[in-house]
Amino acid sequence: MKQPFSIGEIVPQSRTLSLLSELVDYGDDWIETRVRIGPDTLFLEAEGVPGWIGIEYMAQTIGAYAGIQERLQGRPPAVGFLVGTRRYRCEHSWFRLGETLEVRTEQSYRADNGLMVFECEIRADGVCLASAALNVYQPDDVESYVSTGSVE
């Protein structure tokens, strides 16, 4: 049986910077979260939330996936870095107020050094609104990586 987690337990961002509303489901190499675009949603403008924010929804969903993996091993969520985005396609300029977005990511590659690739989609009412491949890096030693910027 899967352990239930709240977003606050698995996403290392502080609560005010976490953009995800809830964890929907997860498996060994995938996760699905929801984002509800409401009046208090961060980055909300008159037209909605800009479409480019979808990259951050995807990145935070990957962070939630990594947080679950750490929690399942009895560790707190670890810090990871978005190092690249490939083929970001967004069908709309805005995510609209009142929309509920389903964000799904699936790990397609993992190197021994902590580099990972995830295929990501954002859907609303079963329609794909955005997709991308995100490259992320989760170093064993965050402080060393931040101070040197090198991957060992």
N, C-alpha and C. Protein backbone atom coordinates (compact mmCIF):
# COMPACT_ATOMS: atom_id res chain seq x y z
N MET A 1 0.83 -1.19 0.00
CA MET A 1 0.00 0.00 0.00
C MET A 1 0.88 1.25 0.00
N LYS A 2 0.51 2.23 -0.83
CA LYS A 2 1.26 3.47 -0.92
C LYS A 2 1.03 4.34 0.31
N GLN A 3 2.09 5.03 0.71
CA GLN A 3 1.96 5.98 1.80
C GLN A 3 1.35 7.26 1.28
N PRO A 4 0.37 7.82 2.03
CA PRO A 4 -0.16 9.13 1.62
C PRO A 4 0.78 10.24 2.09
N PHE A 5 0.98 11.23 1.26
CA PHE A 5 1.83 12.36 1.60
C PHE A 5 1.09 13.65 1.26
N SER A 6 1.36 14.69 2.03
CA SER A 6 0.90 16.03 1.66
C SER A 6 2.01 16.69 0.85
N ILE A 7 1.67 17.68 0.07
CA ILE A 7 2.68 18.41 -0.70
C ILE A 7 3.74 19.00 0.23
N GLY A 8 3.33 19.53 1.37
CA GLY A 8 4.27 20.11 2.32
C GLY A 8 5.32 19.14 2.83
N GLU A 9 4.99 17.85 2.87
CA GLU A 9 5.93 16.83 3.35
C GLU A 9 6.99 16.47 2.31
N ILE A 10 6.67 16.67 1.03
CA ILE A 10 7.55 16.14 -0.01
C ILE A 10 8.18 17.18 -0.91
N VAL A 11 7.71 18.43 -0.86
CA VAL A 11 8.29 19.48 -1.69
C VAL A 11 9.14 20.38 -0.80
N PRO A 12 10.44 20.51 -1.11
CA PRO A 12 11.32 21.27 -0.23
C PRO A 12 11.08 22.78 -0.22
N GLN A 13 10.37 23.33 -1.21
CA GLN A 13 10.10 24.77 -1.20
C GLN A 13 9.28 25.14 0.03
N SER A 14 9.46 26.36 0.49
CA SER A 14 8.63 26.80 1.60
C SER A 14 7.19 26.85 1.12
N ARG A 15 6.26 26.76 2.02
CA ARG A 15 4.84 26.68 1.68
C ARG A 15 4.40 27.83 0.77
N THR A 16 4.96 29.02 0.96
CA THR A 16 4.54 30.15 0.12
C THR A 16 5.06 30.06 -1.31
N LEU A 17 6.12 29.29 -1.52
CA LEU A 17 6.67 29.15 -2.87
C LEU A 17 6.26 27.85 -3.55
N SER A 18 5.61 26.97 -2.83
CA SER A 18 5.11 25.74 -3.44
C SER A 18 3.87 26.08 -4.26
N LEU A 19 3.89 25.71 -5.54
CA LEU A 19 2.79 26.03 -6.44
C LEU A 19 1.79 24.89 -6.60
N LEU A 20 2.10 23.72 -6.04
CA LEU A 20 1.25 22.55 -6.21
C LEU A 20 0.14 22.53 -5.18
N SER A 21 -1.05 22.07 -5.59
CA SER A 21 -2.19 21.99 -4.67
C SER A 21 -2.25 20.66 -3.94
N GLU A 22 -1.99 19.56 -4.67
CA GLU A 22 -2.06 18.26 -4.02
C GLU A 22 -1.37 17.18 -4.83
N LEU A 23 -1.01 16.13 -4.12
CA LEU A 23 -0.49 14.91 -4.73
C LEU A 23 -1.68 14.06 -5.12
N VAL A 24 -1.71 13.60 -6.37
CA VAL A 24 -2.80 12.74 -6.84
C VAL A 24 -2.41 11.27 -6.68
N ASP A 25 -1.27 10.89 -7.25
CA ASP A 25 -0.84 9.49 -7.22
C ASP A 25 0.62 9.43 -7.63
N TYR A 26 1.27 8.30 -7.35
CA TYR A 26 2.67 8.13 -7.74
C TYR A 26 2.98 6.64 -7.89
N GLY A 27 4.05 6.37 -8.62
CA GLY A 27 4.56 5.01 -8.79
C GLY A 27 6.07 5.03 -8.73
N ASP A 28 6.69 3.93 -9.14
CA ASP A 28 8.14 3.81 -9.04
C ASP A 28 8.89 4.86 -9.86
N ASP A 29 8.35 5.25 -11.02
CA ASP A 29 9.06 6.20 -11.87
C ASP A 29 8.18 7.33 -12.38
N TRP A 30 7.05 7.57 -11.72
CA TRP A 30 6.14 8.63 -12.16
C TRP A 30 5.38 9.23 -10.98
N ILE A 31 4.81 10.40 -11.24
CA ILE A 31 4.00 11.09 -10.24
C ILE A 31 2.98 11.97 -10.95
N GLU A 32 1.86 12.19 -10.29
CA GLU A 32 0.87 13.13 -10.79
C GLU A 32 0.42 14.03 -9.64
N THR A 33 0.41 15.33 -9.93
CA THR A 33 -0.04 16.33 -8.96
C THR A 33 -1.15 17.17 -9.58
N ARG A 34 -1.77 18.01 -8.75
CA ARG A 34 -2.78 18.95 -9.24
C ARG A 34 -2.37 20.36 -8.84
N VAL A 35 -2.75 21.28 -9.72
CA VAL A 35 -2.62 22.70 -9.46
C VAL A 35 -3.99 23.31 -9.71
N ARG A 36 -4.56 23.94 -8.70
CA ARG A 36 -5.83 24.64 -8.86
C ARG A 36 -5.54 26.13 -9.00
N ILE A 37 -5.96 26.70 -10.10
CA ILE A 37 -5.74 28.12 -10.34
C ILE A 37 -6.87 28.89 -9.67
N GLY A 38 -6.56 29.47 -8.52
CA GLY A 38 -7.55 30.22 -7.74
C GLY A 38 -7.14 31.66 -7.56
N PRO A 39 -7.95 32.43 -6.87
CA PRO A 39 -7.66 33.86 -6.68
C PRO A 39 -6.36 34.14 -5.93
N ASP A 40 -5.88 33.18 -5.14
CA ASP A 40 -4.65 33.38 -4.37
C ASP A 40 -3.44 32.70 -5.00
N THR A 41 -3.59 32.20 -6.22
CA THR A 41 -2.50 31.49 -6.90
C THR A 41 -1.35 32.45 -7.19
N LEU A 42 -0.15 32.01 -6.84
CA LEU A 42 1.05 32.80 -7.11
C LEU A 42 1.20 32.99 -8.62
N PHE A 43 1.58 34.16 -9.06
CA PHE A 43 1.79 34.55 -10.46
C PHE A 43 0.49 34.83 -11.22
N LEU A 44 -0.66 34.84 -10.53
CA LEU A 44 -1.93 35.12 -11.19
C LEU A 44 -1.98 36.57 -11.65
N GLU A 45 -2.33 36.75 -12.91
CA GLU A 45 -2.53 38.08 -13.49
C GLU A 45 -3.97 38.15 -13.97
N ALA A 46 -4.37 39.25 -14.58
CA ALA A 46 -5.76 39.44 -15.02
C ALA A 46 -6.20 38.33 -15.99
N GLU A 47 -5.30 37.88 -16.87
CA GLU A 47 -5.64 36.86 -17.86
C GLU A 47 -5.51 35.44 -17.33
N GLY A 48 -4.84 35.27 -16.19
CA GLY A 48 -4.58 33.96 -15.61
C GLY A 48 -3.12 33.86 -15.20
N VAL A 49 -2.61 32.64 -15.16
CA VAL A 49 -1.19 32.41 -14.87
C VAL A 49 -0.48 32.23 -16.20
N PRO A 50 0.61 32.96 -16.45
CA PRO A 50 1.31 32.83 -17.73
C PRO A 50 1.70 31.38 -18.03
N GLY A 51 1.59 30.99 -19.28
CA GLY A 51 1.87 29.62 -19.69
C GLY A 51 3.28 29.15 -19.37
N TRP A 52 4.23 30.06 -19.35
CA TRP A 52 5.61 29.65 -19.08
C TRP A 52 5.80 29.17 -17.64
N ILE A 53 4.87 29.50 -16.75
CA ILE A 53 4.94 29.01 -15.37
C ILE A 53 4.74 27.48 -15.33
N GLY A 54 4.20 26.92 -16.41
CA GLY A 54 4.05 25.47 -16.50
C GLY A 54 5.36 24.74 -16.28
N ILE A 55 6.48 25.34 -16.69
CA ILE A 55 7.79 24.70 -16.46
C ILE A 55 8.01 24.53 -14.95
N GLU A 56 7.64 25.53 -14.17
CA GLU A 56 7.81 25.43 -12.71
C GLU A 56 6.84 24.41 -12.12
N TYR A 57 5.62 24.31 -12.65
CA TYR A 57 4.69 23.27 -12.18
C TYR A 57 5.31 21.89 -12.42
N MET A 58 5.92 21.71 -13.59
CA MET A 58 6.58 20.44 -13.90
C MET A 58 7.76 20.20 -12.97
N ALA A 59 8.59 21.22 -12.79
CA ALA A 59 9.79 21.08 -11.94
C ALA A 59 9.40 20.77 -10.50
N GLN A 60 8.37 21.43 -9.98
CA GLN A 60 7.96 21.14 -8.61
C GLN A 60 7.34 19.75 -8.49
N THR A 61 6.69 19.28 -9.55
CA THR A 61 6.17 17.92 -9.53
C THR A 61 7.32 16.91 -9.49
N ILE A 62 8.38 17.19 -10.22
CA ILE A 62 9.58 16.35 -10.15
C ILE A 62 10.17 16.41 -8.74
N GLY A 63 10.18 17.60 -8.14
CA GLY A 63 10.65 17.74 -6.77
C GLY A 63 9.81 16.92 -5.80
N ALA A 64 8.50 16.87 -6.05
CA ALA A 64 7.61 16.05 -5.21
C ALA A 64 7.94 14.57 -5.37
N TYR A 65 8.21 14.15 -6.60
CA TYR A 65 8.61 12.76 -6.87
C TYR A 65 9.88 12.43 -6.08
N ALA A 66 10.88 13.31 -6.19
CA ALA A 66 12.14 13.08 -5.46
C ALA A 66 11.90 13.08 -3.95
N GLY A 67 11.01 13.97 -3.48
CA GLY A 67 10.68 14.01 -2.06
C GLY A 67 10.05 12.72 -1.58
N ILE A 68 9.19 12.13 -2.39
CA ILE A 68 8.58 10.85 -2.03
C ILE A 68 9.66 9.77 -1.94
N GLN A 69 10.56 9.74 -2.92
CA GLN A 69 11.62 8.73 -2.91
C GLN A 69 12.47 8.85 -1.64
N GLU A 70 12.78 10.08 -1.25
CA GLU A 70 13.56 10.30 -0.03
C GLU A 70 12.77 9.88 1.21
N ARG A 71 11.51 10.29 1.30
CA ARG A 71 10.67 9.96 2.46
C ARG A 71 10.51 8.45 2.61
N LEU A 72 10.36 7.75 1.50
CA LEU A 72 10.21 6.29 1.56
C LEU A 72 11.47 5.61 2.10
N GLN A 73 12.60 6.32 2.02
CA GLN A 73 13.86 5.80 2.57
C GLN A 73 14.19 6.41 3.92
N GLY A 74 13.20 7.12 4.50
CA GLY A 74 13.37 7.68 5.84
C GLY A 74 14.19 8.95 5.91
N ARG A 75 14.37 9.61 4.77
CA ARG A 75 15.16 10.85 4.74
C ARG A 75 14.26 12.03 4.41
N PRO A 76 14.67 13.25 4.77
CA PRO A 76 13.90 14.44 4.38
C PRO A 76 14.09 14.70 2.89
N PRO A 77 13.18 15.47 2.27
CA PRO A 77 13.35 15.81 0.85
C PRO A 77 14.70 16.48 0.60
N ALA A 78 15.33 16.11 -0.50
CA ALA A 78 16.64 16.67 -0.86
C ALA A 78 16.46 17.79 -1.88
N VAL A 79 17.48 18.62 -1.98
CA VAL A 79 17.47 19.72 -2.94
C VAL A 79 17.88 19.18 -4.30
N GLY A 80 17.21 19.65 -5.34
CA GLY A 80 17.55 19.31 -6.71
C GLY A 80 17.54 20.58 -7.55
N PHE A 81 18.11 20.50 -8.74
CA PHE A 81 18.24 21.67 -9.60
C PHE A 81 17.70 21.37 -10.99
N LEU A 82 16.92 22.28 -11.52
CA LEU A 82 16.50 22.21 -12.92
C LEU A 82 17.67 22.71 -13.74
N VAL A 83 18.22 21.85 -14.61
CA VAL A 83 19.40 22.23 -15.38
C VAL A 83 19.09 22.42 -16.86
N GLY A 84 17.90 22.03 -17.30
CA GLY A 84 17.56 22.23 -18.70
C GLY A 84 16.14 21.82 -19.01
N THR A 85 15.60 22.45 -20.03
CA THR A 85 14.25 22.15 -20.50
C THR A 85 14.33 21.97 -22.01
N ARG A 86 13.76 20.88 -22.49
CA ARG A 86 13.74 20.64 -23.93
C ARG A 86 12.30 20.54 -24.41
N ARG A 87 12.06 21.12 -25.54
CA ARG A 87 10.78 21.00 -26.24
C ARG A 87 9.59 21.46 -25.41
N TYR A 88 9.69 22.56 -24.69
CA TYR A 88 8.51 23.05 -23.96
C TYR A 88 7.51 23.56 -24.97
N ARG A 89 6.36 22.94 -24.98
CA ARG A 89 5.25 23.35 -25.84
C ARG A 89 4.07 23.65 -24.94
N CYS A 90 3.53 24.84 -25.12
CA CYS A 90 2.36 25.23 -24.34
C CYS A 90 1.29 25.70 -25.32
N GLU A 91 0.16 25.05 -25.29
CA GLU A 91 -0.90 25.31 -26.27
C GLU A 91 -1.66 26.60 -26.02
N HIS A 92 -1.54 27.16 -24.83
CA HIS A 92 -2.24 28.40 -24.48
C HIS A 92 -1.26 29.35 -23.80
N SER A 93 -1.50 30.62 -23.94
CA SER A 93 -0.64 31.61 -23.31
C SER A 93 -0.89 31.72 -21.81
N TRP A 94 -2.08 31.27 -21.36
CA TRP A 94 -2.48 31.43 -19.97
C TRP A 94 -3.15 30.19 -19.44
N PHE A 95 -2.90 29.87 -18.16
CA PHE A 95 -3.71 28.91 -17.42
C PHE A 95 -4.76 29.76 -16.72
N ARG A 96 -6.02 29.48 -16.97
CA ARG A 96 -7.12 30.36 -16.56
C ARG A 96 -7.58 30.15 -15.12
N LEU A 97 -8.04 31.23 -14.52
CA LEU A 97 -8.63 31.20 -13.20
C LEU A 97 -9.76 30.18 -13.19
N GLY A 98 -9.78 29.31 -12.19
CA GLY A 98 -10.79 28.27 -12.08
C GLY A 98 -10.38 26.93 -12.68
N GLU A 99 -9.31 26.91 -13.48
CA GLU A 99 -8.85 25.65 -14.07
C GLU A 99 -8.16 24.78 -13.02
N THR A 100 -8.30 23.49 -13.17
CA THR A 100 -7.54 22.52 -12.40
C THR A 100 -6.62 21.80 -13.37
N LEU A 101 -5.34 21.89 -13.10
CA LEU A 101 -4.33 21.28 -13.97
C LEU A 101 -3.84 19.99 -13.35
N GLU A 102 -3.70 18.96 -14.18
CA GLU A 102 -3.07 17.72 -13.75
C GLU A 102 -1.67 17.71 -14.34
N VAL A 103 -0.67 17.60 -13.48
CA VAL A 103 0.72 17.61 -13.91
C VAL A 103 1.29 16.21 -13.69
N ARG A 104 1.74 15.60 -14.79
CA ARG A 104 2.28 14.24 -14.70
C ARG A 104 3.71 14.25 -15.23
N THR A 105 4.61 13.64 -14.46
CA THR A 105 5.99 13.49 -14.91
C THR A 105 6.38 12.02 -14.79
N GLU A 106 7.20 11.60 -15.73
CA GLU A 106 7.70 10.22 -15.73
C GLU A 106 9.19 10.24 -15.99
N GLN A 107 9.93 9.58 -15.10
CA GLN A 107 11.38 9.53 -15.25
C GLN A 107 11.74 8.64 -16.43
N SER A 108 12.50 9.19 -17.38
CA SER A 108 12.90 8.41 -18.55
C SER A 108 14.38 8.06 -18.54
N TYR A 109 15.16 8.72 -17.68
CA TYR A 109 16.60 8.46 -17.62
C TYR A 109 17.11 8.85 -16.24
N ARG A 110 18.06 8.05 -15.73
CA ARG A 110 18.72 8.39 -14.47
C ARG A 110 20.17 7.91 -14.56
N ALA A 111 21.10 8.83 -14.35
CA ALA A 111 22.52 8.49 -14.33
C ALA A 111 22.97 8.27 -12.89
N ASP A 112 24.06 7.58 -12.72
CA ASP A 112 24.59 7.31 -11.38
C ASP A 112 25.01 8.57 -10.64
N ASN A 113 25.29 9.65 -11.38
CA ASN A 113 25.76 10.89 -10.74
C ASN A 113 24.62 11.81 -10.29
N GLY A 114 23.35 11.39 -10.42
CA GLY A 114 22.23 12.20 -9.96
C GLY A 114 21.52 12.98 -11.05
N LEU A 115 21.99 12.88 -12.29
CA LEU A 115 21.33 13.54 -13.42
C LEU A 115 20.13 12.70 -13.85
N MET A 116 18.97 13.35 -14.04
CA MET A 116 17.75 12.65 -14.43
C MET A 116 17.03 13.43 -15.53
N VAL A 117 16.24 12.70 -16.33
CA VAL A 117 15.40 13.31 -17.35
C VAL A 117 13.97 12.85 -17.09
N PHE A 118 13.04 13.78 -17.15
CA PHE A 118 11.63 13.49 -16.95
C PHE A 118 10.82 14.00 -18.14
N GLU A 119 9.90 13.18 -18.62
CA GLU A 119 8.92 13.60 -19.63
C GLU A 119 7.72 14.11 -18.86
N CYS A 120 7.24 15.29 -19.21
CA CYS A 120 6.21 15.97 -18.42
C CYS A 120 5.04 16.42 -19.28
N GLU A 121 3.86 16.41 -18.69
CA GLU A 121 2.65 16.94 -19.34
C GLU A 121 1.79 17.66 -18.32
N ILE A 122 1.12 18.69 -18.80
CA ILE A 122 0.09 19.37 -18.03
C ILE A 122 -1.21 19.21 -18.80
N ARG A 123 -2.24 18.69 -18.13
CA ARG A 123 -3.54 18.47 -18.76
C ARG A 123 -4.63 19.17 -17.96
N ALA A 124 -5.70 19.53 -18.65
CA ALA A 124 -6.91 20.04 -18.01
C ALA A 124 -8.08 19.42 -18.76
N ASP A 125 -8.97 18.80 -18.03
CA ASP A 125 -10.13 18.13 -18.64
C ASP A 125 -9.71 17.14 -19.73
N GLY A 126 -8.60 16.44 -19.49
CA GLY A 126 -8.13 15.41 -20.43
C GLY A 126 -7.40 15.94 -21.64
N VAL A 127 -7.26 17.25 -21.78
CA VAL A 127 -6.59 17.85 -22.94
C VAL A 127 -5.19 18.29 -22.53
N CYS A 128 -4.19 17.92 -23.33
CA CYS A 128 -2.82 18.31 -23.05
C CYS A 128 -2.64 19.80 -23.35
N LEU A 129 -2.25 20.56 -22.32
CA LEU A 129 -2.02 21.99 -22.48
C LEU A 129 -0.55 22.33 -22.65
N ALA A 130 0.33 21.50 -22.07
CA ALA A 130 1.76 21.77 -22.14
C ALA A 130 2.53 20.46 -21.98
N SER A 131 3.72 20.41 -22.60
CA SER A 131 4.57 19.23 -22.46
C SER A 131 6.04 19.67 -22.59
N ALA A 132 6.92 18.87 -22.01
CA ALA A 132 8.35 19.16 -22.08
C ALA A 132 9.13 17.97 -21.55
N ALA A 133 10.42 17.98 -21.82
CA ALA A 133 11.36 17.08 -21.16
C ALA A 133 12.23 17.98 -20.28
N LEU A 134 12.33 17.65 -19.00
CA LEU A 134 13.12 18.44 -18.06
C LEU A 134 14.31 17.62 -17.58
N ASN A 135 15.48 18.25 -17.60
CA ASN A 135 16.70 17.66 -17.07
C ASN A 135 16.91 18.23 -15.68
N VAL A 136 17.09 17.36 -14.71
CA VAL A 136 17.31 17.80 -13.34
C VAL A 136 18.54 17.11 -12.77
N TYR A 137 19.11 17.74 -11.76
CA TYR A 137 20.30 17.20 -11.11
C TYR A 137 20.09 17.24 -9.61
N GLN A 138 20.31 16.10 -8.96
CA GLN A 138 20.21 16.00 -7.51
C GLN A 138 21.57 15.52 -7.00
N PRO A 139 22.42 16.47 -6.60
CA PRO A 139 23.77 16.09 -6.16
C PRO A 139 23.76 15.45 -4.78
N ASP A 140 24.74 14.62 -4.53
CA ASP A 140 24.89 14.03 -3.20
C ASP A 140 25.32 15.10 -2.20
N ASP A 141 26.14 16.05 -2.65
CA ASP A 141 26.65 17.11 -1.78
C ASP A 141 26.23 18.46 -2.37
N VAL A 142 25.10 18.98 -1.90
CA VAL A 142 24.54 20.22 -2.44
C VAL A 142 25.49 21.39 -2.22
N GLU A 143 26.06 21.52 -1.04
CA GLU A 143 26.93 22.66 -0.75
C GLU A 143 28.14 22.70 -1.66
N SER A 144 28.73 21.54 -1.92
CA SER A 144 29.88 21.47 -2.81
C SER A 144 29.47 21.85 -4.23
N TYR A 145 28.33 21.35 -4.68
CA TYR A 145 27.85 21.67 -6.03
C TYR A 145 27.59 23.16 -6.17
N VAL A 146 26.93 23.77 -5.18
CA VAL A 146 26.61 25.19 -5.25
C VAL A 146 27.89 26.03 -5.24
N SER A 147 28.87 25.64 -4.45
CA SER A 147 30.09 26.45 -4.37
C SER A 147 30.99 26.26 -5.58
N THR A 148 31.01 25.07 -6.20
CA THR A 148 31.89 24.83 -7.34
C THR A 148 31.15 24.84 -8.67
N GLY A 149 29.86 24.47 -8.65
CA GLY A 149 29.08 24.40 -9.88
C GLY A 149 29.45 23.23 -10.76
N SER A 150 30.20 22.28 -10.23
CA SER A 150 30.62 21.14 -11.06
C SER A 150 29.90 19.86 -10.65
N VAL A 151 29.71 19.02 -11.65
CA VAL A 151 29.10 17.71 -11.44
C VAL A 151 30.24 16.70 -11.42
N GLU A 152 30.31 15.93 -10.36
CA GLU A 152 31.38 14.92 -10.27
C GLU A 152 30.86 13.55 -10.57
